[in-house]
PDB file of N, CA and C in Angstrom:
ATOM      1  N   MET A   1      61.720 -73.210 129.253  1.00  0.00           N
ATOM      2  CA  MET A   1      61.007 -73.802 128.141  1.00  0.00           C
ATOM      3  C   MET A   1      59.613 -74.194 128.612  1.00  0.00           C
ATOM      4  N   SER A   2      58.727 -74.289 127.710  1.00  0.00           N
ATOM      5  CA  SER A   2      57.336 -74.610 127.968  1.00  0.00           C
ATOM      6  C   SER A   2      57.189 -75.999 128.581  1.00  0.00           C
ATOM      7  N   ALA A   3      56.046 -76.201 129.269  1.00  0.00           N
ATOM      8  CA  ALA A   3      55.752 -77.508 129.850  1.00  0.00           C
ATOM      9  C   ALA A   3      55.183 -78.469 128.807  1.00  0.00           C
ATOM     10  N   LYS A   4      55.002 -78.002 127.587  1.00  0.00           N
ATOM     11  CA  LYS A   4      54.493 -78.859 126.519  1.00  0.00           C
ATOM     12  C   LYS A   4      55.476 -79.986 126.228  1.00  0.00           C
ATOM     13  N   ASN A   5      54.928 -81.106 125.776  1.00  0.00           N
ATOM     14  CA  ASN A   5      55.781 -82.239 125.418  1.00  0.00           C
ATOM     15  C   ASN A   5      56.065 -82.304 123.927  1.00  0.00           C
ATOM     16  N   TYR A   6      55.165 -81.766 123.106  1.00  0.00           N
ATOM     17  CA  TYR A   6      55.311 -81.832 121.654  1.00  0.00           C
ATOM     18  C   TYR A   6      55.104 -80.459 121.042  1.00  0.00           C
ATOM     19  N   PHE A   7      55.852 -80.200 119.969  1.00  0.00           N
ATOM     20  CA  PHE A   7      55.823 -78.893 119.328  1.00  0.00           C
ATOM     21  C   PHE A   7      55.672 -79.047 117.821  1.00  0.00           C
ATOM     22  N   THR A   8      54.980 -78.097 117.201  1.00  0.00           N
ATOM     23  CA  THR A   8      54.858 -78.089 115.741  1.00  0.00           C
ATOM     24  C   THR A   8      56.149 -77.556 115.145  1.00  0.00           C
ATOM     25  N   ILE A   9      56.302 -77.709 113.845  1.00  0.00           N
ATOM     26  CA  ILE A   9      57.511 -77.217 113.185  1.00  0.00           C
ATOM     27  C   ILE A   9      57.599 -75.692 113.271  1.00  0.00           C
ATOM     28  N   LEU A  10      56.458 -75.006 113.248  1.00  0.00           N
ATOM     29  CA  LEU A  10      56.489 -73.544 113.377  1.00  0.00           C
ATOM     30  C   LEU A  10      56.928 -73.124 114.775  1.00  0.00           C
ATOM     31  N   GLU A  11      56.470 -73.844 115.795  1.00  0.00           N
ATOM     32  CA  GLU A  11      56.910 -73.544 117.157  1.00  0.00           C
ATOM     33  C   GLU A  11      58.410 -73.799 117.299  1.00  0.00           C
ATOM     34  N   VAL A  12      58.870 -74.894 116.745  1.00  0.00           N
ATOM     35  CA  VAL A  12      60.296 -75.230 116.795  1.00  0.00           C
ATOM     36  C   VAL A  12      61.101 -74.167 116.057  1.00  0.00           C
ATOM     37  N   SER A  13      60.590 -73.725 114.928  1.00  0.00           N
ATOM     38  CA  SER A  13      61.261 -72.685 114.152  1.00  0.00           C
ATOM     39  C   SER A  13      61.414 -71.409 114.980  1.00  0.00           C
ATOM     40  N   ARG A  14      60.355 -71.018 115.656  1.00  0.00           N
ATOM     41  CA  ARG A  14      60.414 -69.803 116.494  1.00  0.00           C
ATOM     42  C   ARG A  14      61.382 -69.981 117.660  1.00  0.00           C
ATOM     43  N   MET A  15      61.369 -71.160 118.272  1.00  0.00           N
ATOM     44  CA  MET A  15      62.221 -71.397 119.448  1.00  0.00           C
ATOM     45  C   MET A  15      63.701 -71.502 119.097  1.00  0.00           C
ATOM     46  N   THR A  16      64.000 -72.039 117.925  1.00  0.00           N
ATOM     47  CA  THR A  16      65.404 -72.259 117.550  1.00  0.00           C
ATOM     48  C   THR A  16      65.953 -71.171 116.630  1.00  0.00           C
ATOM     49  N   GLY A  17      65.056 -70.408 116.008  1.00  0.00           N
ATOM     50  CA  GLY A  17      65.500 -69.403 115.050  1.00  0.00           C
ATOM     51  C   GLY A  17      65.851 -69.993 113.693  1.00  0.00           C
ATOM     52  N   MET A  18      65.506 -71.253 113.482  1.00  0.00           N
ATOM     53  CA  MET A  18      65.801 -71.916 112.209  1.00  0.00           C
ATOM     54  C   MET A  18      64.533 -71.993 111.362  1.00  0.00           C
ATOM     55  N   PRO A  19      64.646 -71.697 110.058  1.00  0.00           N
ATOM     56  CA  PRO A  19      63.461 -71.779 109.197  1.00  0.00           C
ATOM     57  C   PRO A  19      62.968 -73.224 109.062  1.00  0.00           C
ATOM     58  N   PRO A  20      61.661 -73.400 108.875  1.00  0.00           N
ATOM     59  CA  PRO A  20      61.111 -74.753 108.739  1.00  0.00           C
ATOM     60  C   PRO A  20      61.787 -75.582 107.644  1.00  0.00           C
ATOM     61  N   TYR A  21      62.144 -74.953 106.516  1.00  0.00           N
ATOM     62  CA  TYR A  21      62.765 -75.737 105.441  1.00  0.00           C
ATOM     63  C   TYR A  21      64.122 -76.289 105.868  1.00  0.00           C
ATOM     64  N   THR A  22      64.852 -75.573 106.714  1.00  0.00           N
ATOM     65  CA  THR A  22      66.140 -76.069 107.213  1.00  0.00           C
ATOM     66  C   THR A  22      65.918 -77.236 108.172  1.00  0.00           C
ATOM     67  N   ILE A  23      64.922 -77.108 109.021  1.00  0.00           N
ATOM     68  CA  ILE A  23      64.606 -78.187 109.963  1.00  0.00           C
ATOM     69  C   ILE A  23      64.225 -79.450 109.198  1.00  0.00           C
ATOM     70  N   ARG A  24      63.404 -79.298 108.160  1.00  0.00           N
ATOM     71  CA  ARG A  24      63.008 -80.460 107.353  1.00  0.00           C
ATOM     72  C   ARG A  24      64.224 -81.067 106.645  1.00  0.00           C
ATOM     73  N   TYR A  25      65.110 -80.207 106.146  1.00  0.00           N
ATOM     74  CA  TYR A  25      66.316 -80.696 105.469  1.00  0.00           C
ATOM     75  C   TYR A  25      67.193 -81.482 106.445  1.00  0.00           C
ATOM     76  N   TRP A  26      67.430 -80.909 107.618  1.00  0.00           N
ATOM     77  CA  TRP A  26      68.243 -81.601 108.609  1.00  0.00           C
ATOM     78  C   TRP A  26      67.601 -82.925 109.002  1.00  0.00           C
ATOM     79  N   GLU A  27      66.281 -82.948 109.085  1.00  0.00           N
ATOM     80  CA  GLU A  27      65.583 -84.195 109.403  1.00  0.00           C
ATOM     81  C   GLU A  27      65.895 -85.268 108.355  1.00  0.00           C
ATOM     82  N   SER A  28      66.001 -84.861 107.103  1.00  0.00           N
ATOM     83  CA  SER A  28      66.286 -85.825 106.033  1.00  0.00           C
ATOM     84  C   SER A  28      67.737 -86.309 106.062  1.00  0.00           C
ATOM     85  N   LYS A  29      68.619 -85.558 106.698  1.00  0.00           N
ATOM     86  CA  LYS A  29      70.044 -85.892 106.702  1.00  0.00           C
ATOM     87  C   LYS A  29      70.540 -86.537 107.996  1.00  0.00           C
ATOM     88  N   PHE A  30      69.837 -86.323 109.093  1.00  0.00           N
ATOM     89  CA  PHE A  30      70.301 -86.800 110.396  1.00  0.00           C
ATOM     90  C   PHE A  30      69.288 -87.755 111.007  1.00  0.00           C
ATOM     91  N   LYS A  31      69.682 -89.011 111.161  1.00  0.00           N
ATOM     92  CA  LYS A  31      68.784 -90.024 111.722  1.00  0.00           C
ATOM     93  C   LYS A  31      68.454 -89.764 113.187  1.00  0.00           C
ATOM     94  N   LEU A  32      69.300 -89.005 113.866  1.00  0.00           N
ATOM     95  CA  LEU A  32      69.040 -88.695 115.268  1.00  0.00           C
ATOM     96  C   LEU A  32      67.912 -87.677 115.428  1.00  0.00           C
ATOM     97  N   LEU A  33      67.519 -87.034 114.355  1.00  0.00           N
ATOM     98  CA  LEU A  33      66.413 -86.073 114.384  1.00  0.00           C
ATOM     99  C   LEU A  33      65.219 -86.718 113.688  1.00  0.00           C
ATOM    100  N   ARG A  34      64.351 -87.317 114.475  1.00  0.00           N
ATOM    101  CA  ARG A  34      63.188 -88.017 113.924  1.00  0.00           C
ATOM    102  C   ARG A  34      61.938 -87.631 114.709  1.00  0.00           C
ATOM    103  N   PRO A  35      61.275 -86.551 114.322  1.00  0.00           N
ATOM    104  CA  PRO A  35      60.053 -86.168 115.036  1.00  0.00           C
ATOM    105  C   PRO A  35      58.931 -87.179 114.802  1.00  0.00           C
ATOM    106  N   LEU A  36      58.006 -87.185 115.721  1.00  0.00           N
ATOM    107  CA  LEU A  36      56.817 -88.018 115.604  1.00  0.00           C
ATOM    108  C   LEU A  36      55.994 -87.519 114.422  1.00  0.00           C
ATOM    109  N   ARG A  37      55.392 -88.437 113.680  1.00  0.00           N
ATOM    110  CA  ARG A  37      54.509 -88.057 112.570  1.00  0.00           C
ATOM    111  C   ARG A  37      53.083 -88.448 112.927  1.00  0.00           C
ATOM    112  N   LEU A  38      52.176 -87.500 112.805  1.00  0.00           N
ATOM    113  CA  LEU A  38      50.762 -87.785 113.009  1.00  0.00           C
ATOM    114  C   LEU A  38      50.209 -88.472 111.766  1.00  0.00           C
ATOM    115  N   GLU A  39      49.012 -89.021 111.864  1.00  0.00           N
ATOM    116  CA  GLU A  39      48.391 -89.661 110.705  1.00  0.00           C
ATOM    117  C   GLU A  39      48.272 -88.688 109.540  1.00  0.00           C
ATOM    118  N   SER A  40      48.100 -87.418 109.851  1.00  0.00           N
ATOM    119  CA  SER A  40      47.982 -86.386 108.821  1.00  0.00           C
ATOM    120  C   SER A  40      49.325 -86.085 108.155  1.00  0.00           C
ATOM    121  N   GLY A  41      50.417 -86.606 108.733  1.00  0.00           N
ATOM    122  CA  GLY A  41      51.745 -86.343 108.191  1.00  0.00           C
ATOM    123  C   GLY A  41      52.453 -85.180 108.867  1.00  0.00           C
ATOM    124  N   HIS A  42      51.738 -84.442 109.717  1.00  0.00           N
ATOM    125  CA  HIS A  42      52.352 -83.321 110.424  1.00  0.00           C
ATOM    126  C   HIS A  42      53.368 -83.825 111.440  1.00  0.00           C
ATOM    127  N   ARG A  43      54.429 -83.057 111.606  1.00  0.00           N
ATOM    128  CA  ARG A  43      55.491 -83.416 112.539  1.00  0.00           C
ATOM    129  C   ARG A  43      55.168 -82.890 113.934  1.00  0.00           C
ATOM    130  N   ARG A  44      55.603 -83.647 114.934  1.00  0.00           N
ATOM    131  CA  ARG A  44      55.551 -83.197 116.315  1.00  0.00           C
ATOM    132  C   ARG A  44      56.923 -83.472 116.916  1.00  0.00           C
ATOM    133  N   PHE A  45      57.554 -82.399 117.342  1.00  0.00           N
ATOM    134  CA  PHE A  45      58.912 -82.469 117.865  1.00  0.00           C
ATOM    135  C   PHE A  45      58.896 -82.543 119.389  1.00  0.00           C
ATOM    136  N   THR A  46      59.834 -83.299 119.939  1.00  0.00           N
ATOM    137  CA  THR A  46      59.992 -83.404 121.388  1.00  0.00           C
ATOM    138  C   THR A  46      61.085 -82.438 121.847  1.00  0.00           C
ATOM    139  N   LYS A  47      61.250 -82.348 123.155  1.00  0.00           N
ATOM    140  CA  LYS A  47      62.331 -81.524 123.704  1.00  0.00           C
ATOM    141  C   LYS A  47      63.692 -82.066 123.259  1.00  0.00           C
ATOM    142  N   LYS A  48      63.786 -83.389 123.133  1.00  0.00           N
ATOM    143  CA  LYS A  48      65.034 -83.995 122.651  1.00  0.00           C
ATOM    144  C   LYS A  48      65.318 -83.545 121.215  1.00  0.00           C
ATOM    145  N   ASP A  49      64.272 -83.476 120.383  1.00  0.00           N
ATOM    146  CA  ASP A  49      64.439 -82.983 119.012  1.00  0.00           C
ATOM    147  C   ASP A  49      64.911 -81.529 119.015  1.00  0.00           C
ATOM    148  N   LEU A  50      64.337 -80.721 119.912  1.00  0.00           N
ATOM    149  CA  LEU A  50      64.765 -79.319 120.023  1.00  0.00           C
ATOM    150  C   LEU A  50      66.247 -79.230 120.377  1.00  0.00           C
ATOM    151  N   GLU A  51      66.671 -80.060 121.317  1.00  0.00           N
ATOM    152  CA  GLU A  51      68.088 -80.077 121.699  1.00  0.00           C
ATOM    153  C   GLU A  51      68.961 -80.451 120.505  1.00  0.00           C
ATOM    154  N   MET A  52      68.515 -81.432 119.724  1.00  0.00           N
ATOM    155  CA  MET A  52      69.282 -81.866 118.555  1.00  0.00           C
ATOM    156  C   MET A  52      69.381 -80.737 117.531  1.00  0.00           C
ATOM    157  N   ILE A  53      68.290 -80.030 117.288  1.00  0.00           N
ATOM    158  CA  ILE A  53      68.305 -78.916 116.334  1.00  0.00           C
ATOM    159  C   ILE A  53      69.258 -77.832 116.818  1.00  0.00           C
ATOM    160  N   ASN A  54      69.239 -77.549 118.110  1.00  0.00           N
ATOM    161  CA  ASN A  54      70.160 -76.544 118.643  1.00  0.00           C
ATOM    162  C   ASN A  54      71.615 -77.001 118.540  1.00  0.00           C
ATOM    163  N   ARG A  55      71.874 -78.304 118.730  1.00  0.00           N
ATOM    164  CA  ARG A  55      73.237 -78.821 118.543  1.00  0.00           C
ATOM    165  C   ARG A  55      73.674 -78.689 117.088  1.00  0.00           C
ATOM    166  N   LEU A  56      72.760 -79.034 116.174  1.00  0.00           N
ATOM    167  CA  LEU A  56      73.073 -78.900 114.744  1.00  0.00           C
ATOM    168  C   LEU A  56      73.348 -77.444 114.391  1.00  0.00           C
ATOM    169  N   LYS A  57      72.529 -76.558 114.899  1.00  0.00           N
ATOM    170  CA  LYS A  57      72.705 -75.122 114.650  1.00  0.00           C
ATOM    171  C   LYS A  57      74.090 -74.676 115.129  1.00  0.00           C
ATOM    172  N   ASP A  58      74.467 -75.128 116.322  1.00  0.00           N
ATOM    173  CA  ASP A  58      75.772 -74.765 116.868  1.00  0.00           C
ATOM    174  C   ASP A  58      76.909 -75.319 116.012  1.00  0.00           C
ATOM    175  N   LEU A  59      76.826 -76.595 115.667  1.00  0.00           N
ATOM    176  CA  LEU A  59      77.908 -77.218 114.898  1.00  0.00           C
ATOM    177  C   LEU A  59      78.015 -76.654 113.484  1.00  0.00           C
ATOM    178  N   ILE A  60      76.888 -76.545 112.795  1.00  0.00           N
ATOM    179  CA  ILE A  60      76.909 -76.165 111.379  1.00  0.00           C
ATOM    180  C   ILE A  60      77.019 -74.658 111.187  1.00  0.00           C
ATOM    181  N   LEU A  61      76.184 -73.907 111.884  1.00  0.00           N
ATOM    182  CA  LEU A  61      76.163 -72.462 111.651  1.00  0.00           C
ATOM    183  C   LEU A  61      77.188 -71.703 112.482  1.00  0.00           C
ATOM    184  N   MET A  62      77.358 -72.080 113.729  1.00  0.00           N
ATOM    185  CA  MET A  62      78.258 -71.328 114.603  1.00  0.00           C
ATOM    186  C   MET A  62      79.716 -71.783 114.474  1.00  0.00           C
ATOM    187  N   LYS A  63      79.919 -73.097 114.389  1.00  0.00           N
ATOM    188  CA  LYS A  63      81.285 -73.625 114.342  1.00  0.00           C
ATOM    189  C   LYS A  63      81.749 -73.952 112.935  1.00  0.00           C
ATOM    190  N   GLY A  64      80.842 -73.890 111.961  1.00  0.00           N
ATOM    191  CA  GLY A  64      81.223 -74.079 110.565  1.00  0.00           C
ATOM    192  C   GLY A  64      81.468 -75.513 110.127  1.00  0.00           C
ATOM    193  N   TYR A  65      80.927 -76.486 110.854  1.00  0.00           N
ATOM    194  CA  TYR A  65      81.093 -77.884 110.456  1.00  0.00           C
ATOM    195  C   TYR A  65      80.327 -78.150 109.164  1.00  0.00           C
ATOM    196  N   SER A  66      80.850 -79.065 108.370  1.00  0.00           N
ATOM    197  CA  SER A  66      80.093 -79.568 107.222  1.00  0.00           C
ATOM    198  C   SER A  66      79.022 -80.512 107.767  1.00  0.00           C
ATOM    199  N   LEU A  67      78.076 -80.899 106.919  1.00  0.00           N
ATOM    200  CA  LEU A  67      77.066 -81.867 107.359  1.00  0.00           C
ATOM    201  C   LEU A  67      77.729 -83.175 107.773  1.00  0.00           C
ATOM    202  N   ALA A  68      78.723 -83.601 107.003  1.00  0.00           N
ATOM    203  CA  ALA A  68      79.432 -84.847 107.323  1.00  0.00           C
ATOM    204  C   ALA A  68      80.150 -84.728 108.667  1.00  0.00           C
ATOM    205  N   GLY A  69      80.780 -83.599 108.916  1.00  0.00           N
ATOM    206  CA  GLY A  69      81.473 -83.387 110.186  1.00  0.00           C
ATOM    207  C   GLY A  69      80.506 -83.362 111.356  1.00  0.00           C
ATOM    208  N   ALA A  70      79.356 -82.718 111.157  1.00  0.00           N
ATOM    209  CA  ALA A  70      78.340 -82.679 112.208  1.00  0.00           C
ATOM    210  C   ALA A  70      77.811 -84.084 112.488  1.00  0.00           C
ATOM    211  N   LYS A  71      77.603 -84.865 111.422  1.00  0.00           N
ATOM    212  CA  LYS A  71      77.127 -86.247 111.597  1.00  0.00           C
ATOM    213  C   LYS A  71      78.118 -87.051 112.424  1.00  0.00           C
ATOM    214  N   LYS A  72      79.382 -86.977 112.057  1.00  0.00           N
ATOM    215  CA  LYS A  72      80.401 -87.747 112.774  1.00  0.00           C
ATOM    216  C   LYS A  72      80.459 -87.335 114.240  1.00  0.00           C
ATOM    217  N   THR A  73      80.377 -86.042 114.478  1.00  0.00           N
ATOM    218  CA  THR A  73      80.423 -85.548 115.849  1.00  0.00           C
ATOM    219  C   THR A  73      79.229 -86.047 116.645  1.00  0.00           C
ATOM    220  N   LEU A  74      78.034 -85.884 116.089  1.00  0.00           N
ATOM    221  CA  LEU A  74      76.825 -86.284 116.807  1.00  0.00           C
ATOM    222  C   LEU A  74      76.741 -87.787 117.004  1.00  0.00           C
ATOM    223  N   TYR A  75      77.040 -88.554 115.966  1.00  0.00           N
ATOM    224  CA  TYR A  75      76.965 -90.005 116.093  1.00  0.00           C
ATOM    225  C   TYR A  75      78.051 -90.521 117.023  1.00  0.00           C
ATOM    226  N   GLY A  76      79.210 -89.880 117.017  1.00  0.00           N
ATOM    227  CA  GLY A  76      80.269 -90.255 117.949  1.00  0.00           C
ATOM    228  C   GLY A  76      79.849 -90.003 119.385  1.00  0.00           C
ATOM    229  N   ARG A  77      79.210 -88.862 119.620  1.00  0.00           N
ATOM    230  CA  ARG A  77      78.721 -88.550 120.968  1.00  0.00           C
ATOM    231  C   ARG A  77      77.639 -89.534 121.388  1.00  0.00           C
ATOM    232  N   GLU A  78      76.759 -89.857 120.460  1.00  0.00           N
ATOM    233  CA  GLU A  78      75.668 -90.787 120.766  1.00  0.00           C
ATOM    234  C   GLU A  78      76.227 -92.163 121.125  1.00  0.00           C
ATOM    235  N   ARG A  79      77.211 -92.627 120.364  1.00  0.00           N
ATOM    236  CA  ARG A  79      77.824 -93.925 120.669  1.00  0.00           C
ATOM    237  C   ARG A  79      78.533 -93.892 122.014  1.00  0.00           C
ATOM    238  N   ALA A  80      79.242 -92.805 122.287  1.00  0.00           N
ATOM    239  CA  ALA A  80      79.943 -92.690 123.565  1.00  0.00           C
ATOM    240  C   ALA A  80      78.941 -92.686 124.719  1.00  0.00           C
ATOM    241  N   ARG A  81      77.809 -91.998 124.531  1.00  0.00           N
ATOM    242  CA  ARG A  81      76.768 -91.965 125.557  1.00  0.00           C
ATOM    243  C   ARG A  81      76.209 -93.371 125.791  1.00  0.00           C
ATOM    244  N   GLU A  82      75.954 -94.101 124.705  1.00  0.00           N
ATOM    245  CA  GLU A  82      75.435 -95.466 124.827  1.00  0.00           C
ATOM    246  C   GLU A  82      76.424 -96.364 125.565  1.00  0.00           C
ATOM    247  N   TRP A  83      77.703 -96.244 125.218  1.00  0.00           N
ATOM    248  CA  TRP A  83      78.726 -97.057 125.889  1.00  0.00           C
ATOM    249  C   TRP A  83      78.816 -96.690 127.367  1.00  0.00           C
ATOM    250  N   SER A  84      78.714 -95.409 127.654  1.00  0.00           N
ATOM    251  CA  SER A  84      78.781 -94.961 129.036  1.00  0.00           C
ATOM    252  C   SER A  84      77.616 -95.527 129.840  1.00  0.00           C
ATOM    253  N   GLU A  85      76.418 -95.478 129.257  1.00  0.00           N
ATOM    254  CA  GLU A  85      75.245 -96.028 129.939  1.00  0.00           C
ATOM    255  C   GLU A  85      75.388 -97.535 130.131  1.00  0.00           C
ATOM    256  N   MET A  86      75.922 -98.206 129.122  1.00  0.00           N
ATOM    257  CA  MET A  86      76.115 -99.646 129.212  1.00  0.00           C
ATOM    258  C   MET A  86      77.113 -99.972 130.329  1.00  0.00           C
ATOM    259  N   ALA A  87      78.176 -99.195 130.406  1.00  0.00           N
ATOM    260  CA  ALA A  87      79.188 -99.424 131.437  1.00  0.00           C
ATOM    261  C   ALA A  87      78.606 -99.182 132.826  1.00  0.00           C
ATOM    262  N   LYS A  88      77.781 -98.140 132.968  1.00  0.00           N
ATOM    263  CA  LYS A  88      77.162 -97.856 134.265  1.00  0.00           C
ATOM    264  C   LYS A  88      76.219 -98.974 134.678  1.00  0.00           C
ATOM    265  N   SER A  89      75.410 -99.446 133.731  1.00  0.00           N
ATOM    266  CA  SER A  89      74.437-100.485 134.074  1.00  0.00           C
ATOM    267  C   SER A  89      75.118-101.820 134.358  1.00  0.00           C
ATOM    268  N   ALA A  90      76.225-102.085 133.702  1.00  0.00           N
ATOM    269  CA  ALA A  90      76.935-103.345 133.912  1.00  0.00           C
ATOM    270  C   ALA A  90      77.904-103.255 135.081  1.00  0.00           C
ATOM    271  N   GLY A  91      78.232-102.052 135.468  1.00  0.00           N
ATOM    272  CA  GLY A  91      79.279-101.859 136.465  1.00  0.00           C
ATOM    273  C   GLY A  91      80.590-101.727 135.725  1.00  0.00           C
ATOM    274  N   ALA A  92      81.323-100.663 135.961  1.00  0.00           N
ATOM    275  CA  ALA A  92      82.529-100.365 135.189  1.00  0.00           C
ATOM    276  C   ALA A  92      83.526-101.522 135.206  1.00  0.00           C
ATOM    277  N   ALA A  93      83.578-102.264 136.299  1.00  0.00           N
ATOM    278  CA  ALA A  93      84.539-103.367 136.380  1.00  0.00           C
ATOM    279  C   ALA A  93      84.163-104.515 135.453  1.00  0.00           C
ATOM    280  N   ASP A  94      82.895-104.594 135.049  1.00  0.00           N
ATOM    281  CA  ASP A  94      82.445-105.680 134.183  1.00  0.00           C
ATOM    282  C   ASP A  94      82.730-105.437 132.706  1.00  0.00           C
ATOM    283  N   VAL A  95      83.105-104.218 132.338  1.00  0.00           N
ATOM    284  CA  VAL A  95      83.372-103.914 130.934  1.00  0.00           C
ATOM    285  C   VAL A  95      84.787-104.376 130.612  1.00  0.00           C
ATOM    286  N   PRO A  96      84.938-105.300 129.683  1.00  0.00           N
ATOM    287  CA  PRO A  96      86.270-105.816 129.357  1.00  0.00           C
ATOM    288  C   PRO A  96      87.194-104.714 128.838  1.00  0.00           C
ATOM    289  N   ASP A  97      88.487-104.855 129.176  1.00  0.00           N
ATOM    290  CA  ASP A  97      89.473-103.880 128.722  1.00  0.00           C
ATOM    291  C   ASP A  97      89.491-103.773 127.204  1.00  0.00           C
ATOM    292  N   LYS A  98      89.313-104.888 126.502  1.00  0.00           N
ATOM    293  CA  LYS A  98      89.314-104.861 125.041  1.00  0.00           C
ATOM    294  C   LYS A  98      88.175-103.995 124.517  1.00  0.00           C
ATOM    295  N   THR A  99      87.029-104.073 125.165  1.00  0.00           N
ATOM    296  CA  THR A  99      85.878-103.272 124.748  1.00  0.00           C
ATOM    297  C   THR A  99      86.161-101.790 124.945  1.00  0.00           C
ATOM    298  N   VAL A 100      86.715-101.455 126.091  1.00  0.00           N
ATOM    299  CA  VAL A 100      87.050-100.058 126.375  1.00  0.00           C
ATOM    300  C   VAL A 100      88.095 -99.563 125.386  1.00  0.00           C
ATOM    301  N   ASN A 101      89.111-100.364 125.142  1.00  0.00           N
ATOM    302  CA  ASN A 101      90.159 -99.968 124.199  1.00  0.00           C
ATOM    303  C   ASN A 101      89.606 -99.790 122.792  1.00  0.00           C
ATOM    304  N   ARG A 102      88.686-100.666 122.384  1.00  0.00           N
ATOM    305  CA  ARG A 102      88.086-100.550 121.054  1.00  0.00           C
ATOM    306  C   ARG A 102      87.267 -99.262 120.957  1.00  0.00           C
ATOM    307  N   LEU A 103      86.513 -98.958 122.008  1.00  0.00           N
ATOM    308  CA  LEU A 103      85.733 -97.725 122.024  1.00  0.00           C
ATOM    309  C   LEU A 103      86.641 -96.506 121.948  1.00  0.00           C
ATOM    310  N   LEU A 104      87.704 -96.511 122.723  1.00  0.00           N
ATOM    311  CA  LEU A 104      88.642 -95.388 122.696  1.00  0.00           C
ATOM    312  C   LEU A 104      89.274 -95.230 121.315  1.00  0.00           C
ATOM    313  N   GLU A 105      89.591 -96.330 120.682  1.00  0.00           N
ATOM    314  CA  GLU A 105      90.170 -96.285 119.335  1.00  0.00           C
ATOM    315  C   GLU A 105      89.165 -95.712 118.335  1.00  0.00           C
ATOM    316  N   GLU A 106      87.892 -96.117 118.444  1.00  0.00           N
ATOM    317  CA  GLU A 106      86.852 -95.575 117.559  1.00  0.00           C
ATOM    318  C   GLU A 106      86.707 -94.068 117.748  1.00  0.00           C
ATOM    319  N   ILE A 107      86.689 -93.635 118.995  1.00  0.00           N
ATOM    320  CA  ILE A 107      86.562 -92.207 119.288  1.00  0.00           C
ATOM    321  C   ILE A 107      87.764 -91.454 118.734  1.00  0.00           C
ATOM    322  N   LYS A 108      88.944 -92.000 118.929  1.00  0.00           N
ATOM    323  CA  LYS A 108      90.167 -91.373 118.413  1.00  0.00           C
ATOM    324  C   LYS A 108      90.096 -91.223 116.893  1.00  0.00           C
ATOM    325  N   ASN A 109      89.662 -92.282 116.200  1.00  0.00           N
ATOM    326  CA  ASN A 109      89.555 -92.228 114.738  1.00  0.00           C
ATOM    327  C   ASN A 109      88.518 -91.208 114.284  1.00  0.00           C
ATOM    328  N   GLU A 110      87.377 -91.163 114.968  1.00  0.00           N
ATOM    329  CA  GLU A 110      86.347 -90.197 114.602  1.00  0.00           C
ATOM    330  C   GLU A 110      86.833 -88.765 114.816  1.00  0.00           C
ATOM    331  N   LEU A 111      87.529 -88.542 115.914  1.00  0.00           N
ATOM    332  CA  LEU A 111      88.063 -87.200 116.172  1.00  0.00           C
ATOM    333  C   LEU A 111      89.094 -86.811 115.116  1.00  0.00           C
ATOM    334  N   SER A 112      89.911 -87.755 114.703  1.00  0.00           N
ATOM    335  CA  SER A 112      90.896 -87.478 113.647  1.00  0.00           C
ATOM    336  C   SER A 112      90.204 -87.086 112.352  1.00  0.00           C
ATOM    337  N   GLU A 113      89.121 -87.786 112.015  1.00  0.00           N
ATOM    338  CA  GLU A 113      88.360 -87.460 110.801  1.00  0.00           C
ATOM    339  C   GLU A 113      87.743 -86.072 110.895  1.00  0.00           C
ATOM    340  N   ILE A 114      87.216 -85.735 112.052  1.00  0.00           N
ATOM    341  CA  ILE A 114      86.605 -84.416 112.242  1.00  0.00           C
ATOM    342  C   ILE A 114      87.656 -83.329 112.099  1.00  0.00           C
ATOM    343  N   ILE A 115      88.818 -83.546 112.682  1.00  0.00           N
ATOM    344  CA  ILE A 115      89.899 -82.556 112.603  1.00  0.00           C
ATOM    345  C   ILE A 115      90.338 -82.359 111.161  1.00  0.00           C
ATOM    346  N   LYS A 116      90.394 -83.434 110.389  1.00  0.00           N
ATOM    347  CA  LYS A 116      90.774 -83.327 108.975  1.00  0.00           C
ATOM    348  C   LYS A 116      89.788 -82.465 108.193  1.00  0.00           C
ATOM    349  N   GLU A 117      88.504 -82.538 108.556  1.00  0.00           N
ATOM    350  CA  GLU A 117      87.476 -81.786 107.834  1.00  0.00           C
ATOM    351  C   GLU A 117      87.464 -80.305 108.185  1.00  0.00           C
ATOM    352  N   CYS A 118      88.002 -79.964 109.335  1.00  0.00           N
ATOM    353  CA  CYS A 118      87.943 -78.557 109.779  1.00  0.00           C
ATOM    354  C   CYS A 118      88.982 -77.692 109.107  1.00  0.00           C
TER     355      CYS A 118
END
């Protein structure tokens, strides 16, 4: 990938193979996809945004997830990542068992919902 830090919607479209209107639509539906906006209103996407678009493409187009299913999957992963980072920074022994059990229960419930939608 390029050494650039920011990309226009046309560059993102070429790199991901997704039309600009789809990228804009996904931006309106997924809070995890929030490109920088210039004063002119033009979008500038980061490498993280590119990764998110590719994940959405995989979930929705390749695996056939609904938008709701893709949201649950992505937000579940994001929460799990946040909890993992929190546990690492606090030291795994400092995370209370109740907290870990609650997180596992949330993940289990989200996975059950995703399976129901498939």
